[in-house]
Amino acid sequence: MTDESGEKAAIMAGQAYLDVPGLAAYLRVSVNTIRHWRKRGMLPPACKLGRLVRWPRAAIDQWAAARSEATRKRREIDVRLGQMPLALIRRH
């Protein structure tokens, strides 16, 4: 994870774009997780400025909301079908 000062600075500044450490802090995951998700195409497209990689904060917010909604719908379907959610199946 990133240091606390970087996280606070990114959030308090209300940045329009997030770099890898800023995005990790914003989503509360590790930098390695962000790199893994990016490599697998699991994140919205990033903007490249030379060697710098940045994500528009609005795109991240939309992406997170869509993932949250998809998860909620999947759980509702599982409940209607009488199936146990996948997260619980993997733990048992």
Protein backbone atom coordinates (compact mmCIF):
# COMPACT_ATOMS: atom_id res chain seq x y z
CA MET A 1 0.00 0.00 0.00
CA THR A 2 1.03 3.61 -0.29
CA ASP A 3 1.92 5.93 2.53
CA GLU A 4 -0.86 7.82 4.31
CA SER A 5 0.36 11.27 3.24
CA GLY A 6 0.05 10.38 -0.46
CA GLU A 7 -3.47 9.06 0.07
CA LYS A 8 -4.58 12.14 1.99
CA ALA A 9 -3.01 14.49 -0.53
CA ALA A 10 -4.74 12.76 -3.43
CA ILE A 11 -8.15 12.75 -1.76
CA MET A 12 -7.97 16.26 -0.31
CA ALA A 13 -6.74 17.83 -3.53
CA GLY A 14 -9.73 16.37 -5.38
CA GLN A 15 -7.48 15.41 -8.27
CA ALA A 16 -9.15 14.89 -11.61
CA TYR A 17 -6.59 12.17 -12.42
CA LEU A 18 -5.11 9.41 -10.24
CA ASP A 19 -1.71 7.78 -10.67
CA VAL A 20 -1.02 4.16 -9.67
CA PRO A 21 -0.30 4.89 -5.97
CA GLY A 22 -3.18 7.37 -5.81
CA LEU A 23 -5.59 4.90 -7.38
CA ALA A 24 -4.44 2.17 -5.00
CA ALA A 25 -5.06 4.48 -2.04
CA TYR A 26 -8.43 5.59 -3.42
CA LEU A 27 -9.61 1.98 -3.87
CA ARG A 28 -7.82 0.81 -0.70
CA VAL A 29 -5.89 -1.95 -2.46
CA SER A 30 -2.17 -2.49 -2.99
CA VAL A 31 -0.17 -0.98 -5.83
CA ASN A 32 0.51 -4.54 -7.03
CA THR A 33 -3.24 -5.16 -7.26
CA ILE A 34 -3.64 -2.07 -9.47
CA ARG A 35 -0.80 -3.26 -11.70
CA HIS A 36 -2.33 -6.74 -11.90
CA TRP A 37 -5.81 -5.39 -12.72
CA ARG A 38 -4.35 -3.08 -15.38
CA LYS A 39 -2.37 -5.91 -16.99
CA ARG A 40 -5.51 -8.09 -17.11
CA GLY A 41 -7.64 -5.25 -18.53
CA MET A 42 -9.86 -5.09 -15.46
CA LEU A 43 -9.61 -1.30 -15.05
CA PRO A 44 -10.98 1.45 -17.27
CA PRO A 45 -8.53 2.71 -19.89
CA ALA A 46 -5.76 4.89 -18.50
CA CYS A 47 -4.40 8.07 -20.05
CA LYS A 48 -0.70 7.95 -20.86
CA LEU A 49 1.29 11.14 -20.75
CA GLY A 50 4.70 10.04 -21.90
CA ARG A 51 5.66 7.41 -19.33
CA LEU A 52 3.05 8.58 -16.83
CA VAL A 53 -0.15 6.57 -16.42
CA ARG A 54 -3.24 8.33 -15.06
CA TRP A 55 -6.88 7.40 -14.63
CA PRO A 56 -9.66 10.00 -14.71
CA ARG A 57 -11.27 9.94 -11.28
CA ALA A 58 -14.75 10.15 -12.86
CA ALA A 59 -14.03 7.00 -14.92
CA ILE A 60 -12.88 5.15 -11.80
CA ASP A 61 -16.03 6.21 -9.93
CA GLN A 62 -18.23 4.98 -12.80
CA TRP A 63 -16.28 1.71 -13.04
CA ALA A 64 -16.57 1.07 -9.30
CA ALA A 65 -20.31 1.84 -9.32
CA ALA A 66 -20.88 -0.52 -12.27
CA ARG A 67 -18.94 -3.31 -10.55
CA SER A 68 -20.88 -2.75 -7.35
CA GLU A 69 -24.21 -2.90 -9.21
CA ALA A 70 -23.16 -6.05 -11.10
CA THR A 71 -22.18 -7.72 -7.82
CA ARG A 72 -25.51 -6.76 -6.24
CA LYS A 73 -27.48 -8.16 -9.20
CA ARG A 74 -25.45 -11.38 -9.18
CA ARG A 75 -26.19 -11.87 -5.48
CA GLU A 76 -29.91 -11.25 -6.04
CA ILE A 77 -29.97 -13.90 -8.78
CA ASP A 78 -28.11 -16.36 -6.54
CA VAL A 79 -30.62 -15.81 -3.76
CA ARG A 80 -33.59 -16.25 -6.14
CA LEU A 81 -32.12 -19.46 -7.49
CA GLY A 82 -31.29 -20.71 -4.01
CA GLN A 83 -27.59 -20.78 -4.75
CA MET A 84 -24.84 -19.81 -2.38
CA PRO A 85 -22.81 -16.76 -3.50
CA LEU A 86 -19.48 -17.68 -5.12
CA ALA A 87 -17.50 -15.89 -2.41
CA LEU A 88 -18.96 -18.22 0.19
CA ILE A 89 -18.50 -21.34 -1.96
CA ARG A 90 -14.78 -20.61 -2.34
CA ARG A 91 -14.33 -20.32 1.41
CA HIS A 92 -15.82 -23.75 2.15
